[in-house]
């Protein structure tokens, strides 16, 4: 808009501008065929990138946006289902608590009766355990005495063999063991 009046006023101005531009281009080594081939290559690369890179990326981004929207919608549905499930859960818990209180009351009543029965059974069982423990104690004492006799007999045989300095025969060892056992029993 502003350039048209200036160009109309000075007809030789436009020619001098072109000449100045041409001289500057020659001075810096400007090459028209190379420039045009670079412009064509650039436009071709832009067209190819637009066709094979930019549009597919936009398509992928659109699909992703749709999936995100679907995910948000599903999240809303799940949130509503969760709220419904929590309401049902609360109702079931309330009913279960009422039934549990009733069962606890009944259990306490039967537990008191059962406790009395169990206490009597426990007393009888404890008396039986005491009797068994006494019997086991007697058996253990007898076992320990027998073991003590064997050990003392072995010690007597070993000591006698060392004191006398001779090797005792099996018959000597048996006789000494029996004598030691009789002395311990007495």
N, C-alpha and C. Protein backbone atom coordinates (compact mmCIF):
# COMPACT_ATOMS: atom_id res chain seq x y z
N UNK A 1 0.81 -1.19 0.00
CA UNK A 1 0.00 0.00 0.00
C UNK A 1 0.86 1.26 0.00
N UNK A 2 1.82 1.24 0.90
CA UNK A 2 2.67 2.42 1.00
C UNK A 2 3.73 2.45 -0.10
N UNK A 3 4.05 1.30 -0.67
CA UNK A 3 5.10 1.22 -1.69
C UNK A 3 4.59 1.69 -3.04
N UNK A 4 3.34 1.43 -3.36
CA UNK A 4 2.79 1.79 -4.67
C UNK A 4 2.93 3.29 -4.98
N UNK A 5 2.59 4.21 -4.05
CA UNK A 5 2.74 5.64 -4.38
C UNK A 5 4.21 6.02 -4.59
N UNK A 6 5.10 5.39 -3.86
CA UNK A 6 6.52 5.73 -4.00
C UNK A 6 7.02 5.28 -5.37
N UNK A 7 6.64 4.07 -5.82
CA UNK A 7 7.06 3.55 -7.10
C UNK A 7 6.46 4.34 -8.25
N UNK A 8 5.24 4.85 -8.09
CA UNK A 8 4.58 5.65 -9.12
C UNK A 8 5.28 7.01 -9.27
N UNK A 9 5.78 7.52 -8.17
CA UNK A 9 6.42 8.84 -8.20
C UNK A 9 7.79 8.78 -8.89
N UNK A 10 8.50 7.72 -8.74
CA UNK A 10 9.83 7.63 -9.33
C UNK A 10 9.91 6.37 -10.17
N UNK A 11 9.69 6.44 -11.51
CA UNK A 11 9.69 5.26 -12.35
C UNK A 11 11.08 4.63 -12.45
N UNK A 12 12.11 5.34 -12.34
CA UNK A 12 13.45 4.78 -12.47
C UNK A 12 13.94 4.18 -11.16
N UNK A 13 13.24 4.44 -10.11
CA UNK A 13 13.63 3.93 -8.78
C UNK A 13 13.58 2.41 -8.74
N UNK A 14 12.56 1.83 -9.30
CA UNK A 14 12.40 0.38 -9.29
C UNK A 14 13.54 -0.30 -10.06
N UNK A 15 13.91 0.27 -11.21
CA UNK A 15 14.98 -0.30 -12.00
C UNK A 15 16.32 -0.20 -11.26
N UNK A 16 16.53 0.92 -10.59
CA UNK A 16 17.79 1.09 -9.87
C UNK A 16 17.86 0.12 -8.67
N UNK A 17 16.74 -0.15 -8.06
CA UNK A 17 16.71 -1.12 -6.95
C UNK A 17 17.07 -2.51 -7.45
N UNK A 18 16.49 -2.92 -8.58
CA UNK A 18 16.80 -4.23 -9.15
C UNK A 18 18.28 -4.32 -9.52
N UNK A 19 18.82 -3.25 -10.11
CA UNK A 19 20.22 -3.24 -10.51
C UNK A 19 21.12 -3.32 -9.28
N UNK A 20 20.76 -2.62 -8.23
CA UNK A 20 21.54 -2.64 -6.99
C UNK A 20 21.51 -4.04 -6.36
N UNK A 21 20.36 -4.67 -6.40
CA UNK A 21 20.22 -6.02 -5.86
C UNK A 21 21.04 -7.01 -6.68
N UNK A 22 21.04 -6.86 -8.01
CA UNK A 22 21.80 -7.75 -8.88
C UNK A 22 23.29 -7.62 -8.61
N UNK A 23 23.76 -6.37 -8.45
CA UNK A 23 25.18 -6.14 -8.20
C UNK A 23 25.60 -6.71 -6.83
N UNK A 24 24.75 -6.53 -5.86
CA UNK A 24 25.04 -7.07 -4.53
C UNK A 24 25.08 -8.59 -4.58
N UNK A 25 24.15 -9.18 -5.32
CA UNK A 25 24.12 -10.63 -5.47
C UNK A 25 25.36 -11.14 -6.15
N UNK A 26 25.81 -10.48 -7.21
CA UNK A 26 27.03 -10.90 -7.91
C UNK A 26 28.24 -10.74 -7.01
N UNK A 27 28.25 -9.64 -6.24
CA UNK A 27 29.38 -9.38 -5.36
C UNK A 27 29.51 -10.49 -4.30
N UNK A 28 28.41 -11.02 -3.80
CA UNK A 28 28.44 -12.08 -2.78
C UNK A 28 28.36 -13.48 -3.38
N UNK A 29 28.33 -13.62 -4.66
CA UNK A 29 28.33 -14.92 -5.33
C UNK A 29 26.95 -15.56 -5.38
N UNK A 30 25.90 -14.80 -5.55
CA UNK A 30 24.54 -15.32 -5.63
C UNK A 30 24.36 -16.03 -6.96
N UNK A 31 23.75 -17.26 -6.93
CA UNK A 31 23.56 -18.06 -8.13
C UNK A 31 22.08 -18.39 -8.23
N UNK A 32 21.41 -17.84 -9.30
CA UNK A 32 19.96 -18.03 -9.47
C UNK A 32 19.59 -19.50 -9.64
N UNK A 33 20.22 -20.26 -10.49
CA UNK A 33 19.82 -21.67 -10.65
C UNK A 33 19.96 -22.46 -9.35
N UNK A 34 21.04 -22.22 -8.61
CA UNK A 34 21.22 -22.91 -7.33
C UNK A 34 20.15 -22.48 -6.32
N UNK A 35 19.86 -21.18 -6.31
CA UNK A 35 18.82 -20.66 -5.41
C UNK A 35 17.47 -21.29 -5.71
N UNK A 36 17.10 -21.37 -7.00
CA UNK A 36 15.81 -21.95 -7.38
C UNK A 36 15.77 -23.45 -7.05
N UNK A 37 16.87 -24.16 -7.27
CA UNK A 37 16.87 -25.59 -6.94
C UNK A 37 16.74 -25.80 -5.43
N UNK A 38 17.36 -24.93 -4.64
CA UNK A 38 17.22 -25.03 -3.18
C UNK A 38 15.79 -24.73 -2.74
N UNK A 39 15.14 -23.74 -3.37
CA UNK A 39 13.74 -23.41 -3.04
C UNK A 39 12.85 -24.59 -3.39
N UNK A 40 13.08 -25.19 -4.57
CA UNK A 40 12.26 -26.33 -5.00
C UNK A 40 12.48 -27.51 -4.05
N UNK A 41 13.74 -27.76 -3.70
CA UNK A 41 14.04 -28.86 -2.76
C UNK A 41 13.35 -28.61 -1.42
N UNK A 42 13.44 -27.38 -0.94
CA UNK A 42 12.81 -27.04 0.33
C UNK A 42 11.30 -27.27 0.28
N UNK A 43 10.66 -26.81 -0.80
CA UNK A 43 9.21 -26.99 -0.93
C UNK A 43 8.86 -28.47 -1.03
N UNK A 44 9.70 -29.23 -1.74
CA UNK A 44 9.45 -30.66 -1.87
C UNK A 44 9.58 -31.36 -0.50
N UNK A 45 10.62 -31.01 0.25
CA UNK A 45 10.80 -31.59 1.58
C UNK A 45 9.64 -31.20 2.50
N UNK A 46 9.20 -29.95 2.41
CA UNK A 46 8.05 -29.51 3.22
C UNK A 46 6.80 -30.32 2.87
N UNK A 47 6.58 -30.53 1.57
CA UNK A 47 5.39 -31.29 1.15
C UNK A 47 5.48 -32.74 1.63
N UNK A 48 6.67 -33.34 1.51
CA UNK A 48 6.83 -34.73 1.96
C UNK A 48 6.67 -34.85 3.47
N UNK A 49 7.27 -33.92 4.21
CA UNK A 49 7.12 -33.96 5.66
C UNK A 49 5.66 -33.77 6.07
N UNK A 50 4.98 -32.85 5.36
CA UNK A 50 3.56 -32.63 5.67
C UNK A 50 2.76 -33.89 5.41
N UNK A 51 3.06 -34.56 4.31
CA UNK A 51 2.29 -35.75 3.92
C UNK A 51 2.62 -36.96 4.81
N UNK A 52 3.91 -37.21 5.06
CA UNK A 52 4.31 -38.45 5.71
C UNK A 52 4.70 -38.31 7.18
N UNK A 53 4.85 -37.13 7.68
CA UNK A 53 5.24 -36.97 9.09
C UNK A 53 4.21 -36.17 9.88
N UNK A 54 3.91 -34.99 9.40
CA UNK A 54 3.06 -34.09 10.17
C UNK A 54 1.63 -34.62 10.31
N UNK A 55 1.04 -35.07 9.21
CA UNK A 55 -0.34 -35.59 9.27
C UNK A 55 -0.44 -36.86 10.12
N UNK A 56 0.47 -37.84 9.94
CA UNK A 56 0.38 -39.03 10.81
C UNK A 56 0.54 -38.68 12.29
N UNK A 57 1.41 -37.72 12.57
CA UNK A 57 1.56 -37.31 13.98
C UNK A 57 0.27 -36.70 14.49
N UNK A 58 -0.35 -35.86 13.66
CA UNK A 58 -1.63 -35.25 14.06
C UNK A 58 -2.71 -36.32 14.25
N UNK A 59 -2.69 -37.34 13.36
CA UNK A 59 -3.66 -38.42 13.50
C UNK A 59 -3.44 -39.19 14.80
N UNK A 60 -2.18 -39.46 15.13
CA UNK A 60 -1.86 -40.17 16.37
C UNK A 60 -2.29 -39.33 17.58
N UNK A 61 -2.01 -38.04 17.51
CA UNK A 61 -2.41 -37.16 18.62
C UNK A 61 -3.94 -37.11 18.77
N UNK A 62 -4.65 -37.13 17.66
CA UNK A 62 -6.12 -37.13 17.73
C UNK A 62 -6.63 -38.43 18.33
N UNK A 63 -6.02 -39.56 17.93
CA UNK A 63 -6.42 -40.84 18.50
C UNK A 63 -6.14 -40.86 20.00
N UNK A 64 -5.00 -40.32 20.38
CA UNK A 64 -4.65 -40.27 21.80
C UNK A 64 -5.63 -39.40 22.57
N UNK A 65 -6.01 -38.26 21.99
CA UNK A 65 -6.99 -37.40 22.64
C UNK A 65 -8.32 -38.12 22.83
N UNK A 66 -8.71 -38.90 21.82
CA UNK A 66 -9.96 -39.66 21.92
C UNK A 66 -9.86 -40.73 23.01
N UNK A 67 -8.71 -41.41 23.07
CA UNK A 67 -8.54 -42.44 24.11
C UNK A 67 -8.56 -41.81 25.51
N UNK A 68 -7.95 -40.65 25.63
CA UNK A 68 -7.97 -39.96 26.92
C UNK A 68 -9.40 -39.58 27.30
N UNK A 69 -10.15 -39.10 26.31
CA UNK A 69 -11.56 -38.74 26.58
C UNK A 69 -12.35 -39.98 26.99
N UNK A 70 -12.10 -41.10 26.29
CA UNK A 70 -12.77 -42.35 26.66
C UNK A 70 -12.36 -42.79 28.06
N UNK A 71 -11.08 -42.65 28.37
CA UNK A 71 -10.59 -43.01 29.70
C UNK A 71 -11.24 -42.17 30.78
N UNK A 72 -11.39 -40.88 30.52
CA UNK A 72 -12.06 -40.01 31.50
C UNK A 72 -13.52 -40.40 31.68
N UNK A 73 -14.17 -40.75 30.57
CA UNK A 73 -15.57 -41.18 30.66
C UNK A 73 -15.68 -42.48 31.45
N UNK A 74 -14.76 -43.40 31.18
CA UNK A 74 -14.75 -44.66 31.93
C UNK A 74 -14.47 -44.42 33.40
N UNK A 75 -13.59 -43.46 33.68
CA UNK A 75 -13.28 -43.14 35.07
C UNK A 75 -14.53 -42.62 35.79
N UNK A 76 -15.33 -41.80 35.09
CA UNK A 76 -16.57 -41.30 35.69
C UNK A 76 -17.53 -42.45 35.98
N UNK A 77 -17.63 -43.39 35.01
CA UNK A 77 -18.52 -44.54 35.21
C UNK A 77 -18.04 -45.39 36.39
N UNK A 78 -16.75 -45.60 36.45
CA UNK A 78 -16.19 -46.41 37.53
C UNK A 78 -16.39 -45.72 38.87
N UNK A 79 -16.25 -44.40 38.88
CA UNK A 79 -16.47 -43.65 40.11
C UNK A 79 -17.92 -43.81 40.59
N UNK A 80 -18.86 -43.76 39.65
CA UNK A 80 -20.27 -43.94 40.01
C UNK A 80 -20.52 -45.36 40.52
N UNK A 81 -19.92 -46.35 39.83
CA UNK A 81 -20.08 -47.73 40.27
C UNK A 81 -19.47 -47.94 41.64
N UNK A 82 -18.36 -47.29 41.89
CA UNK A 82 -17.71 -47.39 43.19
C UNK A 82 -18.59 -46.80 44.28
N UNK A 83 -19.20 -45.66 43.99
CA UNK A 83 -20.10 -45.04 44.97
C UNK A 83 -21.29 -45.97 45.26
N UNK A 84 -21.84 -46.59 44.22
CA UNK A 84 -22.95 -47.53 44.41
C UNK A 84 -22.50 -48.73 45.24
N UNK A 85 -21.30 -49.25 44.93
CA UNK A 85 -20.79 -50.40 45.66
C UNK A 85 -20.54 -50.06 47.12
N UNK A 86 -20.05 -48.86 47.38
CA UNK A 86 -19.82 -48.44 48.76
C UNK A 86 -21.14 -48.33 49.52
N UNK A 87 -22.19 -47.84 48.86
CA UNK A 87 -23.50 -47.74 49.51
C UNK A 87 -24.01 -49.14 49.86
N UNK A 88 -23.87 -50.08 48.91
CA UNK A 88 -24.30 -51.46 49.18
C UNK A 88 -23.46 -52.06 50.31
N UNK A 89 -22.18 -51.78 50.27
CA UNK A 89 -21.26 -52.29 51.29
C UNK A 89 -21.69 -51.79 52.67
N UNK A 90 -22.00 -50.51 52.76
CA UNK A 90 -22.42 -49.94 54.05
C UNK A 90 -23.72 -50.59 54.53
N UNK A 91 -24.65 -50.83 53.61
CA UNK A 91 -25.92 -51.46 53.97
C UNK A 91 -25.68 -52.90 54.46
N UNK A 92 -24.84 -53.62 53.75
CA UNK A 92 -24.54 -55.00 54.14
C UNK A 92 -23.85 -55.03 55.50
N UNK A 93 -22.91 -54.10 55.72
CA UNK A 93 -22.23 -54.04 57.01
C UNK A 93 -23.20 -53.75 58.15
N UNK A 94 -24.13 -52.87 57.89
CA UNK A 94 -25.11 -52.53 58.94
C UNK A 94 -25.94 -53.76 59.29
N UNK A 95 -26.39 -54.47 58.27
CA UNK A 95 -27.17 -55.69 58.51
C UNK A 95 -26.32 -56.73 59.24
N UNK A 96 -25.08 -56.89 58.80
CA UNK A 96 -24.19 -57.87 59.40
C UNK A 96 -23.89 -57.52 60.85
N UNK A 97 -23.73 -56.24 61.15
CA UNK A 97 -23.48 -55.83 62.53
C UNK A 97 -24.67 -56.18 63.43
N UNK A 98 -25.88 -55.96 62.92
CA UNK A 98 -27.07 -56.32 63.71
C UNK A 98 -27.11 -57.82 63.99
N UNK A 99 -26.85 -58.60 62.95
CA UNK A 99 -26.85 -60.06 63.13
C UNK A 99 -25.72 -60.50 64.06
N UNK A 100 -24.58 -59.84 63.93
CA UNK A 100 -23.43 -60.18 64.77
C UNK A 100 -23.74 -59.89 66.24
N UNK A 101 -24.39 -58.77 66.52
CA UNK A 101 -24.74 -58.45 67.90
C UNK A 101 -25.68 -59.50 68.48
N UNK A 102 -26.62 -59.94 67.66
CA UNK A 102 -27.55 -60.97 68.10
C UNK A 102 -26.79 -62.27 68.38
N UNK A 103 -25.88 -62.63 67.48
CA UNK A 103 -25.11 -63.86 67.66
C UNK A 103 -24.20 -63.77 68.88
N UNK A 104 -23.64 -62.59 69.13
CA UNK A 104 -22.77 -62.40 70.29
C UNK A 104 -23.56 -62.61 71.58
N UNK A 105 -24.77 -62.06 71.61
CA UNK A 105 -25.61 -62.22 72.79
C UNK A 105 -25.92 -63.70 73.04
N UNK A 106 -26.28 -64.41 71.95
CA UNK A 106 -26.58 -65.84 72.08
C UNK A 106 -25.32 -66.62 72.48
N UNK A 107 -24.17 -66.23 71.90
CA UNK A 107 -22.92 -66.93 72.20
C UNK A 107 -22.51 -66.74 73.65
N UNK A 108 -22.73 -65.55 74.18
CA UNK A 108 -22.39 -65.32 75.58
C UNK A 108 -23.23 -66.20 76.50
N UNK A 109 -24.51 -66.31 76.16
CA UNK A 109 -25.38 -67.14 76.99
C UNK A 109 -24.93 -68.61 76.94
N UNK A 110 -24.64 -69.10 75.75
CA UNK A 110 -24.22 -70.50 75.65
C UNK A 110 -22.80 -70.68 76.19
N UNK A 111 -21.97 -69.64 76.09
CA UNK A 111 -20.60 -69.73 76.60
C UNK A 111 -20.58 -69.86 78.12
N UNK A 112 -21.50 -69.18 78.78
CA UNK A 112 -21.55 -69.29 80.24
C UNK A 112 -21.87 -70.73 80.65
N UNK A 113 -22.85 -71.33 79.96
CA UNK A 113 -23.21 -72.72 80.27
C UNK A 113 -22.05 -73.65 79.90
N UNK A 114 -21.44 -73.41 78.79
CA UNK A 114 -20.34 -74.25 78.34
C UNK A 114 -19.13 -74.09 79.26
N UNK A 115 -18.91 -72.88 79.76
CA UNK A 115 -17.77 -72.63 80.64
C UNK A 115 -17.90 -73.46 81.91
N UNK A 116 -19.10 -73.53 82.43
CA UNK A 116 -19.31 -74.33 83.64
C UNK A 116 -19.00 -75.79 83.36
N UNK A 117 -19.48 -76.30 82.23
CA UNK A 117 -19.22 -77.69 81.87
C UNK A 117 -17.73 -77.93 81.65
N UNK A 118 -17.10 -77.02 80.95
CA UNK A 118 -15.67 -77.15 80.66
C UNK A 118 -14.83 -77.08 81.94
N UNK A 119 -15.27 -76.26 82.87
CA UNK A 119 -14.53 -76.14 84.12
C UNK A 119 -14.54 -77.47 84.87
N UNK A 120 -15.70 -78.10 84.90
CA UNK A 120 -15.79 -79.40 85.57
C UNK A 120 -14.94 -80.44 84.84
N UNK A 121 -14.99 -80.42 83.50
CA UNK A 121 -14.18 -81.36 82.72
C UNK A 121 -12.69 -81.09 82.95
N UNK A 122 -12.32 -79.80 83.01
CA UNK A 122 -10.91 -79.43 83.21
C UNK A 122 -10.41 -79.90 84.56
N UNK A 123 -11.24 -79.80 85.58
CA UNK A 123 -10.85 -80.26 86.92
C UNK A 123 -10.59 -81.76 86.89
N UNK A 124 -11.50 -82.48 86.25
CA UNK A 124 -11.34 -83.94 86.16
C UNK A 124 -10.08 -84.28 85.35
N UNK A 125 -9.85 -83.57 84.28
CA UNK A 125 -8.68 -83.83 83.44
C UNK A 125 -7.39 -83.48 84.18
N UNK A 126 -7.42 -82.41 84.96
CA UNK A 126 -6.23 -82.01 85.73
C UNK A 126 -5.89 -83.08 86.76
N UNK A 127 -6.91 -83.64 87.39
CA UNK A 127 -6.65 -84.71 88.36
C UNK A 127 -6.02 -85.91 87.65
N UNK A 128 -6.49 -86.22 86.46
CA UNK A 128 -5.92 -87.33 85.69
C UNK A 128 -4.47 -87.04 85.32
N UNK A 129 -4.19 -85.80 84.95
CA UNK A 129 -2.82 -85.42 84.58
C UNK A 129 -1.89 -85.54 85.79
N UNK A 130 -2.38 -85.16 86.95
CA UNK A 130 -1.56 -85.26 88.16
C UNK A 130 -1.21 -86.71 88.45
N UNK A 131 -2.20 -87.59 88.30
CA UNK A 131 -1.95 -89.03 88.52
C UNK A 131 -0.91 -89.53 87.51
N UNK A 132 -1.05 -89.14 86.25
CA UNK A 132 -0.11 -89.57 85.22
C UNK A 132 1.28 -89.02 85.49
N UNK A 133 1.34 -87.77 85.96
CA UNK A 133 2.64 -87.16 86.26
C UNK A 133 3.34 -87.91 87.39
N UNK A 134 2.57 -88.30 88.40
CA UNK A 134 3.17 -89.07 89.51
C UNK A 134 3.71 -90.40 89.02
N UNK A 135 2.92 -91.08 88.17
CA UNK A 135 3.37 -92.36 87.63
C UNK A 135 4.62 -92.16 86.77
N UNK A 136 4.63 -91.10 85.96
CA UNK A 136 5.79 -90.83 85.10
C UNK A 136 7.00 -90.49 85.95
N UNK A 137 6.78 -89.81 87.06
CA UNK A 137 7.89 -89.45 87.96
C UNK A 137 8.51 -90.70 88.56
N UNK A 138 7.66 -91.64 88.97
CA UNK A 138 8.16 -92.89 89.55
C UNK A 138 8.95 -93.66 88.49
N UNK A 139 8.41 -93.73 87.28
CA UNK A 139 9.10 -94.45 86.21
C UNK A 139 10.44 -93.77 85.88
N UNK A 140 10.47 -92.47 85.85
CA UNK A 140 11.70 -91.74 85.56
C UNK A 140 12.74 -91.97 86.66
N UNK A 141 12.28 -91.95 87.91
CA UNK A 141 13.19 -92.20 89.03
C UNK A 141 13.79 -93.60 88.91
N UNK A 142 12.95 -94.60 88.61
CA UNK A 142 13.45 -95.97 88.45
C UNK A 142 14.45 -96.06 87.30
N UNK A 143 14.16 -95.39 86.21
CA UNK A 143 15.06 -95.41 85.06
C UNK A 143 16.40 -94.75 85.40
N UNK A 144 16.33 -93.64 86.13
CA UNK A 144 17.56 -92.95 86.51
C UNK A 144 18.39 -93.80 87.47
N UNK A 145 17.72 -94.52 88.41
CA UNK A 145 18.45 -95.39 89.33
C UNK A 145 19.14 -96.51 88.56
N UNK A 146 18.45 -97.08 87.59
CA UNK A 146 19.05 -98.16 86.81
C UNK A 146 20.25 -97.63 86.03
N UNK A 147 20.12 -96.46 85.49
CA UNK A 147 21.23 -95.86 84.75
C UNK A 147 22.39 -95.55 85.70
N UNK A 148 22.06 -95.07 86.90
CA UNK A 148 23.10 -94.78 87.89
C UNK A 148 23.84 -96.06 88.27
N UNK A 149 23.09 -97.14 88.45
CA UNK A 149 23.72 -98.43 88.80
C UNK A 149 24.69 -98.86 87.70
N UNK A 150 24.25 -98.75 86.47
CA UNK A 150 25.12 -99.15 85.37
C UNK A 150 26.38 -98.28 85.33
N UNK A 151 26.21 -97.01 85.53
CA UNK A 151 27.36 -96.09 85.48
C UNK A 151 28.32 -96.37 86.63
N UNK A 152 27.78 -96.59 87.86
CA UNK A 152 28.64 -96.87 89.01
C UNK A 152 29.37 -98.19 88.79
N UNK A 153 28.65 -99.16 88.26
CA UNK A 153 29.27 -100.46 88.00
C UNK A 153 30.41 -100.29 87.00
N UNK A 154 30.20 -99.51 85.96
CA UNK A 154 31.23 -99.27 84.97
C UNK A 154 32.44 -98.58 85.59
N UNK A 155 32.15 -97.59 86.44
CA UNK A 155 33.24 -96.87 87.11
C UNK A 155 34.01 -97.80 88.06
N UNK A 156 33.28 -98.67 88.80
CA UNK A 156 33.94 -99.60 89.71
C UNK A 156 34.84 -100.54 88.93
N UNK A 157 34.35 -101.05 87.80
CA UNK A 157 35.13 -101.97 86.98
C UNK A 157 36.37 -101.27 86.45
N UNK A 158 36.22 -100.05 85.95
CA UNK A 158 37.36 -99.30 85.41
C UNK A 158 38.38 -98.98 86.52
N UNK A 159 37.86 -98.56 87.67
CA UNK A 159 38.76 -98.20 88.78
C UNK A 159 39.49 -99.43 89.28
N UNK A 160 38.79 -100.53 89.42
CA UNK A 160 39.41 -101.76 89.90
C UNK A 160 40.48 -102.21 88.94
N UNK A 161 40.18 -102.11 87.65
CA UNK A 161 41.16 -102.50 86.65
C UNK A 161 42.39 -101.63 86.74
N UNK A 162 42.24 -100.36 86.98
CA UNK A 162 43.38 -99.45 87.07
C UNK A 162 44.15 -99.67 88.37
N UNK A 163 43.42 -99.90 89.48
CA UNK A 163 44.07 -100.08 90.78
C UNK A 163 44.86 -101.39 90.78
N UNK A 164 44.25 -102.43 90.29
CA UNK A 164 44.93 -103.73 90.32
C UNK A 164 45.97 -103.84 89.22
N UNK A 165 45.84 -103.08 88.21
CA UNK A 165 46.82 -103.08 87.14
C UNK A 165 46.68 -104.27 86.22
N UNK A 166 45.62 -104.98 86.26
CA UNK A 166 45.44 -106.10 85.36
C UNK A 166 44.17 -105.90 84.56
N UNK A 167 44.09 -106.60 83.48
CA UNK A 167 42.92 -106.52 82.61
C UNK A 167 41.90 -107.50 83.16
N UNK A 168 40.70 -106.94 83.43
CA UNK A 168 39.65 -107.79 84.02
C UNK A 168 38.95 -108.56 82.92
N UNK A 169 38.59 -109.78 83.22
CA UNK A 169 37.85 -110.59 82.27
C UNK A 169 36.39 -110.18 82.31
N UNK A 170 35.66 -110.69 81.38
CA UNK A 170 34.23 -110.40 81.31
C UNK A 170 33.54 -110.89 82.57
N UNK A 171 33.94 -112.04 83.07
CA UNK A 171 33.34 -112.61 84.30
C UNK A 171 33.65 -111.72 85.49
N UNK A 172 34.89 -111.21 85.60
CA UNK A 172 35.25 -110.30 86.71
C UNK A 172 34.43 -109.02 86.63
N UNK A 173 34.29 -108.51 85.43
CA UNK A 173 33.53 -107.26 85.25
C UNK A 173 32.08 -107.46 85.66
N UNK A 174 31.47 -108.58 85.31
CA UNK A 174 30.08 -108.87 85.64
C UNK A 174 29.93 -108.99 87.16
N UNK A 175 30.85 -109.72 87.82
CA UNK A 175 30.78 -109.93 89.27
C UNK A 175 30.90 -108.60 90.00
N UNK A 176 31.84 -107.73 89.59
CA UNK A 176 32.01 -106.43 90.24
C UNK A 176 30.78 -105.54 90.02
N UNK A 177 30.20 -105.60 88.82
CA UNK A 177 29.00 -104.81 88.53
C UNK A 177 27.85 -105.22 89.45
N UNK A 178 27.67 -106.54 89.63
CA UNK A 178 26.59 -107.02 90.49
C UNK A 178 26.79 -106.62 91.94
N UNK A 179 28.03 -106.67 92.41
CA UNK A 179 28.32 -106.27 93.81
C UNK A 179 28.04 -104.78 94.00
N UNK A 180 28.44 -103.98 93.05
CA UNK A 180 28.21 -102.52 93.15
C UNK A 180 26.72 -102.23 93.15
N UNK A 181 25.96 -102.94 92.31
CA UNK A 181 24.53 -102.71 92.22
C UNK A 181 23.83 -103.08 93.51
N UNK A 182 24.30 -104.20 94.18
CA UNK A 182 23.70 -104.59 95.46
C UNK A 182 23.99 -103.56 96.55
N UNK A 183 25.18 -103.00 96.53
CA UNK A 183 25.52 -102.00 97.55
C UNK A 183 24.72 -100.72 97.34
N UNK A 184 24.48 -100.33 96.09
CA UNK A 184 23.69 -99.11 95.83
C UNK A 184 22.23 -99.32 96.24
N UNK A 185 21.71 -100.52 95.97
CA UNK A 185 20.32 -100.81 96.29
C UNK A 185 20.11 -100.84 97.80
N UNK A 186 21.14 -101.18 98.56
CA UNK A 186 21.00 -101.31 100.00
C UNK A 186 21.07 -99.96 100.61
